[in-house]
């Protein structure tokens, strides 16, 4: 998976992401956070990577993304543990 920073400021970042599933998962978790004012992605053409924009309302965008990724990792670990227990 490739992620490229297109533009960045303290409370605004635009990313080029080549994995729509990961972008949508990140968007959902960012929307659940308290520090995000706006998050969305768009795909201009199926053969091109999508563009994702994140704006924070308080704090930095980096902190909001970091918190969302930690939440995703925690939920994935819970799923992994549940699957291991079911064997």
PDB file of N, CA and C in Angstrom:
ATOM      1  N   UNK A   1       0.839  -1.171   0.000  1.00  0.00           N
ATOM      2  CA  UNK A   1       0.000   0.000   0.000  1.00  0.00           C
ATOM      3  C   UNK A   1       0.889   1.241   0.000  1.00  0.00           C
ATOM      4  N   UNK A   2       0.547   2.181  -0.819  1.00  0.00           N
ATOM      5  CA  UNK A   2       1.287   3.445  -0.894  1.00  0.00           C
ATOM      6  C   UNK A   2       0.423   4.590  -0.404  1.00  0.00           C
ATOM      7  N   UNK A   3       1.038   5.444   0.421  1.00  0.00           N
ATOM      8  CA  UNK A   3       0.402   6.667   0.896  1.00  0.00           C
ATOM      9  C   UNK A   3       1.380   7.803   0.655  1.00  0.00           C
ATOM     10  N   UNK A   4       0.894   8.850   0.012  1.00  0.00           N
ATOM     11  CA  UNK A   4       1.739   9.996  -0.306  1.00  0.00           C
ATOM     12  C   UNK A   4       1.055  11.269   0.192  1.00  0.00           C
ATOM     13  N   UNK A   5       1.815  12.105   0.874  1.00  0.00           N
ATOM     14  CA  UNK A   5       1.293  13.389   1.332  1.00  0.00           C
ATOM     15  C   UNK A   5       1.324  14.362   0.160  1.00  0.00           C
ATOM     16  N   UNK A   6       0.163  14.858  -0.225  1.00  0.00           N
ATOM     17  CA  UNK A   6       0.045  15.803  -1.333  1.00  0.00           C
ATOM     18  C   UNK A   6       0.249  17.226  -0.821  1.00  0.00           C
ATOM     19  N   UNK A   7      -0.411  17.552   0.296  1.00  0.00           N
ATOM     20  CA  UNK A   7      -0.235  18.859   0.936  1.00  0.00           C
ATOM     21  C   UNK A   7      -0.501  18.695   2.422  1.00  0.00           C
ATOM     22  N   UNK A   8       0.142  19.557   3.218  1.00  0.00           N
ATOM     23  CA  UNK A   8       0.000  19.422   4.662  1.00  0.00           C
ATOM     24  C   UNK A   8       0.162  20.765   5.363  1.00  0.00           C
ATOM     25  N   UNK A   9      -0.727  20.984   6.314  1.00  0.00           N
ATOM     26  CA  UNK A   9      -0.644  22.097   7.250  1.00  0.00           C
ATOM     27  C   UNK A   9      -0.937  21.520   8.624  1.00  0.00           C
ATOM     28  N   UNK A  10      -0.916  22.353   9.647  1.00  0.00           N
ATOM     29  CA  UNK A  10      -1.128  21.852  11.009  1.00  0.00           C
ATOM     30  C   UNK A  10      -2.470  21.138  11.165  1.00  0.00           C
ATOM     31  N   UNK A  11      -3.526  21.742  10.644  1.00  0.00           N
ATOM     32  CA  UNK A  11      -4.855  21.173  10.845  1.00  0.00           C
ATOM     33  C   UNK A  11      -5.526  20.692   9.556  1.00  0.00           C
ATOM     34  N   UNK A  12      -4.742  20.460   8.513  1.00  0.00           N
ATOM     35  CA  UNK A  12      -5.290  20.049   7.218  1.00  0.00           C
ATOM     36  C   UNK A  12      -4.242  19.245   6.460  1.00  0.00           C
ATOM     37  N   UNK A  13      -4.642  18.090   5.945  1.00  0.00           N
ATOM     38  CA  UNK A  13      -3.719  17.276   5.162  1.00  0.00           C
ATOM     39  C   UNK A  13      -4.483  16.622   4.021  1.00  0.00           C
ATOM     40  N   UNK A  14      -3.814  16.470   2.897  1.00  0.00           N
ATOM     41  CA  UNK A  14      -4.376  15.745   1.764  1.00  0.00           C
ATOM     42  C   UNK A  14      -3.412  14.627   1.409  1.00  0.00           C
ATOM     43  N   UNK A  15      -3.957  13.404   1.319  1.00  0.00           N
ATOM     44  CA  UNK A  15      -3.156  12.216   1.059  1.00  0.00           C
ATOM     45  C   UNK A  15      -3.587  11.562  -0.241  1.00  0.00           C
ATOM     46  N   UNK A  16      -2.650  10.944  -0.911  1.00  0.00           N
ATOM     47  CA  UNK A  16      -2.945  10.095  -2.069  1.00  0.00           C
ATOM     48  C   UNK A  16      -2.774   8.656  -1.572  1.00  0.00           C
ATOM     49  N   UNK A  17      -3.848   7.874  -1.619  1.00  0.00           N
ATOM     50  CA  UNK A  17      -3.860   6.511  -1.083  1.00  0.00           C
ATOM     51  C   UNK A  17      -4.286   5.555  -2.188  1.00  0.00           C
ATOM     52  N   UNK A  18      -3.568   4.436  -2.321  1.00  0.00           N
ATOM     53  CA  UNK A  18      -3.908   3.504  -3.400  1.00  0.00           C
ATOM     54  C   UNK A  18      -4.774   2.325  -2.942  1.00  0.00           C
ATOM     55  N   UNK A  19      -5.244   2.354  -1.694  1.00  0.00           N
ATOM     56  CA  UNK A  19      -6.068   1.262  -1.179  1.00  0.00           C
ATOM     57  C   UNK A  19      -7.375   1.835  -0.642  1.00  0.00           C
ATOM     58  N   UNK A  20      -8.448   1.613  -1.365  1.00  0.00           N
ATOM     59  CA  UNK A  20      -9.737   2.197  -1.010  1.00  0.00           C
ATOM     60  C   UNK A  20     -10.276   1.623   0.296  1.00  0.00           C
ATOM     61  N   UNK A  21     -10.037   0.344   0.556  1.00  0.00           N
ATOM     62  CA  UNK A  21     -10.524  -0.278   1.781  1.00  0.00           C
ATOM     63  C   UNK A  21      -9.897   0.372   3.013  1.00  0.00           C
ATOM     64  N   UNK A  22      -8.599   0.566   2.968  1.00  0.00           N
ATOM     65  CA  UNK A  22      -7.888   1.193   4.090  1.00  0.00           C
ATOM     66  C   UNK A  22      -8.348   2.644   4.260  1.00  0.00           C
ATOM     67  N   UNK A  23      -8.517   3.350   3.165  1.00  0.00           N
ATOM     68  CA  UNK A  23      -8.959   4.745   3.235  1.00  0.00           C
ATOM     69  C   UNK A  23     -10.349   4.844   3.862  1.00  0.00           C
ATOM     70  N   UNK A  24     -11.242   3.952   3.500  1.00  0.00           N
ATOM     71  CA  UNK A  24     -12.596   3.982   4.050  1.00  0.00           C
ATOM     72  C   UNK A  24     -12.589   3.619   5.535  1.00  0.00           C
ATOM     73  N   UNK A  25     -11.789   2.640   5.912  1.00  0.00           N
ATOM     74  CA  UNK A  25     -11.669   2.266   7.323  1.00  0.00           C
ATOM     75  C   UNK A  25     -11.130   3.437   8.146  1.00  0.00           C
ATOM     76  N   UNK A  26     -10.097   4.079   7.646  1.00  0.00           N
ATOM     77  CA  UNK A  26      -9.527   5.229   8.327  1.00  0.00           C
ATOM     78  C   UNK A  26     -10.544   6.367   8.420  1.00  0.00           C
ATOM     79  N   UNK A  27     -11.297   6.600   7.351  1.00  0.00           N
ATOM     80  CA  UNK A  27     -12.321   7.645   7.361  1.00  0.00           C
ATOM     81  C   UNK A  27     -13.358   7.390   8.441  1.00  0.00           C
ATOM     82  N   UNK A  28     -13.792   6.147   8.570  1.00  0.00           N
ATOM     83  CA  UNK A  28     -14.804   5.802   9.569  1.00  0.00           C
ATOM     84  C   UNK A  28     -14.285   6.049  10.986  1.00  0.00           C
ATOM     85  N   UNK A  29     -13.064   5.630  11.258  1.00  0.00           N
ATOM     86  CA  UNK A  29     -12.504   5.813  12.598  1.00  0.00           C
ATOM     87  C   UNK A  29     -12.221   7.291  12.879  1.00  0.00           C
ATOM     88  N   UNK A  30     -11.772   8.029  11.888  1.00  0.00           N
ATOM     89  CA  UNK A  30     -11.541   9.462  12.082  1.00  0.00           C
ATOM     90  C   UNK A  30     -12.848  10.192  12.372  1.00  0.00           C
ATOM     91  N   UNK A  31     -13.922   9.798  11.714  1.00  0.00           N
ATOM     92  CA  UNK A  31     -15.224  10.421  11.969  1.00  0.00           C
ATOM     93  C   UNK A  31     -15.710  10.157  13.390  1.00  0.00           C
ATOM     94  N   UNK A  32     -15.295   9.048  13.981  1.00  0.00           N
ATOM     95  CA  UNK A  32     -15.684   8.738  15.358  1.00  0.00           C
ATOM     96  C   UNK A  32     -14.894   9.549  16.380  1.00  0.00           C
ATOM     97  N   UNK A  33     -13.765  10.107  15.967  1.00  0.00           N
ATOM     98  CA  UNK A  33     -12.915  10.870  16.884  1.00  0.00           C
ATOM     99  C   UNK A  33     -13.476  12.254  17.161  1.00  0.00           C
ATOM    100  N   UNK A  34     -12.989  12.838  18.248  1.00  0.00           N
ATOM    101  CA  UNK A  34     -13.458  14.162  18.657  1.00  0.00           C
ATOM    102  C   UNK A  34     -12.700  15.296  17.983  1.00  0.00           C
ATOM    103  N   UNK A  35     -11.507  15.041  17.497  1.00  0.00           N
ATOM    104  CA  UNK A  35     -10.635  16.110  16.999  1.00  0.00           C
ATOM    105  C   UNK A  35     -10.737  16.354  15.497  1.00  0.00           C
ATOM    106  N   UNK A  36     -11.648  15.670  14.817  1.00  0.00           N
ATOM    107  CA  UNK A  36     -11.726  15.789  13.361  1.00  0.00           C
ATOM    108  C   UNK A  36     -12.957  16.591  12.959  1.00  0.00           C
ATOM    109  N   UNK A  37     -12.728  17.631  12.175  1.00  0.00           N
ATOM    110  CA  UNK A  37     -13.811  18.481  11.672  1.00  0.00           C
ATOM    111  C   UNK A  37     -14.346  17.946  10.351  1.00  0.00           C
ATOM    112  N   UNK A  38     -13.444  17.406   9.505  1.00  0.00           N
ATOM    113  CA  UNK A  38     -13.840  16.950   8.175  1.00  0.00           C
ATOM    114  C   UNK A  38     -12.891  15.844   7.725  1.00  0.00           C
ATOM    115  N   UNK A  39     -13.450  14.800   7.151  1.00  0.00           N
ATOM    116  CA  UNK A  39     -12.645  13.758   6.507  1.00  0.00           C
ATOM    117  C   UNK A  39     -13.470  13.147   5.376  1.00  0.00           C
ATOM    118  N   UNK A  40     -12.847  13.050   4.221  1.00  0.00           N
ATOM    119  CA  UNK A  40     -13.516  12.459   3.066  1.00  0.00           C
ATOM    120  C   UNK A  40     -12.461  12.044   2.054  1.00  0.00           C
ATOM    121  N   UNK A  41     -12.856  11.166   1.156  1.00  0.00           N
ATOM    122  CA  UNK A  41     -11.963  10.808   0.066  1.00  0.00           C
ATOM    123  C   UNK A  41     -12.756  10.836  -1.238  1.00  0.00           C
ATOM    124  N   UNK A  42     -12.024  10.990  -2.326  1.00  0.00           N
ATOM    125  CA  UNK A  42     -12.650  10.967  -3.655  1.00  0.00           C
ATOM    126  C   UNK A  42     -11.725  10.232  -4.613  1.00  0.00           C
ATOM    127  N   UNK A  43     -12.339   9.612  -5.579  1.00  0.00           N
ATOM    128  CA  UNK A  43     -11.573   8.867  -6.583  1.00  0.00           C
ATOM    129  C   UNK A  43     -12.008   9.360  -7.953  1.00  0.00           C
ATOM    130  N   UNK A  44     -11.100  10.012  -8.636  1.00  0.00           N
ATOM    131  CA  UNK A  44     -11.432  10.622  -9.920  1.00  0.00           C
ATOM    132  C   UNK A  44     -11.603   9.596 -11.030  1.00  0.00           C
ATOM    133  N   UNK A  45     -10.855   8.493 -10.945  1.00  0.00           N
ATOM    134  CA  UNK A  45     -10.938   7.454 -11.966  1.00  0.00           C
ATOM    135  C   UNK A  45     -10.529   6.129 -11.339  1.00  0.00           C
ATOM    136  N   UNK A  46     -11.170   5.011 -11.719  1.00  0.00           N
ATOM    137  CA  UNK A  46     -10.842   3.720 -11.104  1.00  0.00           C
ATOM    138  C   UNK A  46      -9.364   3.311 -11.223  1.00  0.00           C
ATOM    139  N   UNK A  47      -8.683   3.800 -12.219  1.00  0.00           N
ATOM    140  CA  UNK A  47      -7.283   3.412 -12.399  1.00  0.00           C
ATOM    141  C   UNK A  47      -6.305   4.287 -11.609  1.00  0.00           C
ATOM    142  N   UNK A  48      -6.819   5.310 -10.932  1.00  0.00           N
ATOM    143  CA  UNK A  48      -5.946   6.233 -10.204  1.00  0.00           C
ATOM    144  C   UNK A  48      -6.150   6.089  -8.698  1.00  0.00           C
ATOM    145  N   UNK A  49      -5.121   6.431  -7.906  1.00  0.00           N
ATOM    146  CA  UNK A  49      -5.291   6.413  -6.445  1.00  0.00           C
ATOM    147  C   UNK A  49      -6.296   7.470  -6.012  1.00  0.00           C
ATOM    148  N   UNK A  50      -6.873   7.264  -4.855  1.00  0.00           N
ATOM    149  CA  UNK A  50      -7.840   8.233  -4.362  1.00  0.00           C
ATOM    150  C   UNK A  50      -7.136   9.335  -3.584  1.00  0.00           C
ATOM    151  N   UNK A  51      -7.821  10.444  -3.429  1.00  0.00           N
ATOM    152  CA  UNK A  51      -7.332  11.562  -2.634  1.00  0.00           C
ATOM    153  C   UNK A  51      -8.178  11.658  -1.373  1.00  0.00           C
ATOM    154  N   UNK A  52      -7.515  11.751  -0.231  1.00  0.00           N
ATOM    155  CA  UNK A  52      -8.189  11.816   1.059  1.00  0.00           C
ATOM    156  C   UNK A  52      -7.823  13.120   1.741  1.00  0.00           C
ATOM    157  N   UNK A  53      -8.826  13.816   2.267  1.00  0.00           N
ATOM    158  CA  UNK A  53      -8.577  15.079   2.959  1.00  0.00           C
ATOM    159  C   UNK A  53      -9.056  14.965   4.397  1.00  0.00           C
ATOM    160  N   UNK A  54      -8.214  15.411   5.317  1.00  0.00           N
ATOM    161  CA  UNK A  54      -8.519  15.353   6.741  1.00  0.00           C
ATOM    162  C   UNK A  54      -8.262  16.734   7.328  1.00  0.00           C
ATOM    163  N   UNK A  55      -9.247  17.251   8.058  1.00  0.00           N
ATOM    164  CA  UNK A  55      -9.101  18.531   8.752  1.00  0.00           C
ATOM    165  C   UNK A  55      -9.415  18.305  10.226  1.00  0.00           C
ATOM    166  N   UNK A  56      -8.537  18.790  11.091  1.00  0.00           N
ATOM    167  CA  UNK A  56      -8.775  18.645  12.525  1.00  0.00           C
ATOM    168  C   UNK A  56      -9.423  19.906  13.073  1.00  0.00           C
ATOM    169  N   UNK A  57     -10.189  19.725  14.133  1.00  0.00           N
ATOM    170  CA  UNK A  57     -10.838  20.869  14.771  1.00  0.00           C
ATOM    171  C   UNK A  57     -10.019  21.369  15.954  1.00  0.00           C
ATOM    172  N   UNK A  58      -9.308  20.484  16.590  1.00  0.00           N
ATOM    173  CA  UNK A  58      -8.413  20.866  17.682  1.00  0.00           C
ATOM    174  C   UNK A  58      -7.242  19.898  17.669  1.00  0.00           C
ATOM    175  N   UNK A  59      -6.068  20.380  17.980  1.00  0.00           N
ATOM    176  CA  UNK A  59      -4.891  19.533  17.889  1.00  0.00           C
ATOM    177  C   UNK A  59      -4.398  19.462  16.461  1.00  0.00           C
ATOM    178  N   UNK A  60      -3.555  18.501  16.202  1.00  0.00           N
ATOM    179  CA  UNK A  60      -2.998  18.366  14.862  1.00  0.00           C
ATOM    180  C   UNK A  60      -3.637  17.193  14.135  1.00  0.00           C
ATOM    181  N   UNK A  61      -3.529  17.215  12.823  1.00  0.00           N
ATOM    182  CA  UNK A  61      -4.032  16.112  12.011  1.00  0.00           C
ATOM    183  C   UNK A  61      -3.230  14.850  12.317  1.00  0.00           C
ATOM    184  N   UNK A  62      -1.929  15.000  12.515  1.00  0.00           N
ATOM    185  CA  UNK A  62      -1.086  13.834  12.813  1.00  0.00           C
ATOM    186  C   UNK A  62      -1.587  13.105  14.056  1.00  0.00           C
ATOM    187  N   UNK A  63      -1.960  13.860  15.080  1.00  0.00           N
ATOM    188  CA  UNK A  63      -2.456  13.257  16.315  1.00  0.00           C
ATOM    189  C   UNK A  63      -3.774  12.526  16.054  1.00  0.00           C
ATOM    190  N   UNK A  64      -4.665  13.132  15.286  1.00  0.00           N
ATOM    191  CA  UNK A  64      -5.957  12.510  14.986  1.00  0.00           C
ATOM    192  C   UNK A  64      -5.771  11.207  14.215  1.00  0.00           C
ATOM    193  N   UNK A  65      -4.881  11.218  13.227  1.00  0.00           N
ATOM    194  CA  UNK A  65      -4.617  10.007  12.437  1.00  0.00           C
ATOM    195  C   UNK A  65      -3.977   8.940  13.324  1.00  0.00           C
ATOM    196  N   UNK A  66      -3.034   9.337  14.145  1.00  0.00           N
ATOM    197  CA  UNK A  66      -2.374   8.395  15.053  1.00  0.00           C
ATOM    198  C   UNK A  66      -3.376   7.730  15.985  1.00  0.00           C
ATOM    199  N   UNK A  67      -4.287   8.509  16.556  1.00  0.00           N
ATOM    200  CA  UNK A  67      -5.310   7.958  17.444  1.00  0.00           C
ATOM    201  C   UNK A  67      -6.244   7.002  16.702  1.00  0.00           C
ATOM    202  N   UNK A  68      -6.608   7.338  15.474  1.00  0.00           N
ATOM    203  CA  UNK A  68      -7.478   6.465  14.679  1.00  0.00           C
ATOM    204  C   UNK A  68      -6.777   5.149  14.357  1.00  0.00           C
ATOM    205  N   UNK A  69      -5.502   5.218  13.993  1.00  0.00           N
ATOM    206  CA  UNK A  69      -4.755   4.001  13.678  1.00  0.00           C
ATOM    207  C   UNK A  69      -4.624   3.120  14.921  1.00  0.00           C
ATOM    208  N   UNK A  70      -4.382   3.709  16.079  1.00  0.00           N
ATOM    209  CA  UNK A  70      -4.306   2.935  17.325  1.00  0.00           C
ATOM    210  C   UNK A  70      -5.637   2.253  17.616  1.00  0.00           C
ATOM    211  N   UNK A  71      -6.750   2.935  17.387  1.00  0.00           N
ATOM    212  CA  UNK A  71      -8.070   2.348  17.601  1.00  0.00           C
ATOM    213  C   UNK A  71      -8.318   1.186  16.640  1.00  0.00           C
ATOM    214  N   UNK A  72      -7.891   1.342  15.399  1.00  0.00           N
ATOM    215  CA  UNK A  72      -8.022   0.261  14.415  1.00  0.00           C
ATOM    216  C   UNK A  72      -7.204  -0.943  14.859  1.00  0.00           C
ATOM    217  N   UNK A  73      -5.956  -0.703  15.274  1.00  0.00           N
ATOM    218  CA  UNK A  73      -5.092  -1.796  15.731  1.00  0.00           C
ATOM    219  C   UNK A  73      -5.710  -2.522  16.922  1.00  0.00           C
ATOM    220  N   UNK A  74      -6.274  -1.779  17.856  1.00  0.00           N
ATOM    221  CA  UNK A  74      -6.898  -2.388  19.037  1.00  0.00           C
ATOM    222  C   UNK A  74      -8.061  -3.282  18.629  1.00  0.00           C
ATOM    223  N   UNK A  75      -8.917  -2.787  17.748  1.00  0.00           N
ATOM    224  CA  UNK A  75     -10.056  -3.585  17.299  1.00  0.00           C
ATOM    225  C   UNK A  75      -9.609  -4.815  16.526  1.00  0.00           C
ATOM    226  N   UNK A  76      -8.565  -4.693  15.716  1.00  0.00           N
ATOM    227  CA  UNK A  76      -8.050  -5.843  14.979  1.00  0.00           C
ATOM    228  C   UNK A  76      -7.472  -6.893  15.916  1.00  0.00           C
ATOM    229  N   UNK A  77      -6.806  -6.460  16.989  1.00  0.00           N
ATOM    230  CA  UNK A  77      -6.279  -7.402  17.978  1.00  0.00           C
ATOM    231  C   UNK A  77      -7.416  -8.150  18.668  1.00  0.00           C
ATOM    232  N   UNK A  78      -8.505  -7.456  18.977  1.00  0.00           N
ATOM    233  CA  UNK A  78      -9.658  -8.104  19.591  1.00  0.00           C
ATOM    234  C   UNK A  78     -10.254  -9.153  18.656  1.00  0.00           C
ATOM    235  N   UNK A  79     -10.334  -8.836  17.387  1.00  0.00           N
ATOM    236  CA  UNK A  79     -10.845  -9.804  16.410  1.00  0.00           C
ATOM    237  C   UNK A  79      -9.907 -11.003  16.324  1.00  0.00           C
ATOM    238  N   UNK A  80      -8.609 -10.736  16.263  1.00  0.00           N
ATOM    239  CA  UNK A  80      -7.624 -11.809  16.193  1.00  0.00           C
ATOM    240  C   UNK A  80      -7.722 -12.730  17.410  1.00  0.00           C
ATOM    241  N   UNK A  81      -7.837 -12.144  18.603  1.00  0.00           N
ATOM    242  CA  UNK A  81      -7.956 -12.950  19.823  1.00  0.00           C
ATOM    243  C   UNK A  81      -9.227 -13.770  19.836  1.00  0.00           C
ATOM    244  N   UNK A  82     -10.317 -13.208  19.357  1.00  0.00           N
ATOM    245  CA  UNK A  82     -11.579 -13.955  19.303  1.00  0.00           C
ATOM    246  C   UNK A  82     -11.474 -15.148  18.367  1.00  0.00           C
ATOM    247  N   UNK A  83     -10.788 -14.962  17.252  1.00  0.00           N
ATOM    248  CA  UNK A  83     -10.614 -16.047  16.287  1.00  0.00           C
ATOM    249  C   UNK A  83      -9.713 -17.133  16.882  1.00  0.00           C
ATOM    250  N   UNK A  84      -8.664 -16.729  17.571  1.00  0.00           N
ATOM    251  CA  UNK A  84      -7.757 -17.699  18.193  1.00  0.00           C
ATOM    252  C   UNK A  84      -8.470 -18.530  19.248  1.00  0.00           C
ATOM    253  N   UNK A  85      -9.351 -17.891  20.031  1.00  0.00           N
ATOM    254  CA  UNK A  85     -10.089 -18.597  21.076  1.00  0.00           C
ATOM    255  C   UNK A  85     -11.090 -19.595  20.505  1.00  0.00           C
ATOM    256  N   UNK A  86     -11.576 -19.345  19.320  1.00  0.00           N
ATOM    257  CA  UNK A  86     -12.603 -20.210  18.734  1.00  0.00           C
ATOM    258  C   UNK A  86     -12.040 -21.494  18.146  1.00  0.00           C
ATOM    259  N   UNK A  87     -10.725 -21.622  18.087  1.00  0.00           N
ATOM    260  CA  UNK A  87     -10.126 -22.850  17.512  1.00  0.00           C
ATOM    261  C   UNK A  87     -10.175 -23.999  18.455  1.00  0.00           C
TER     262      UNK A  87
END
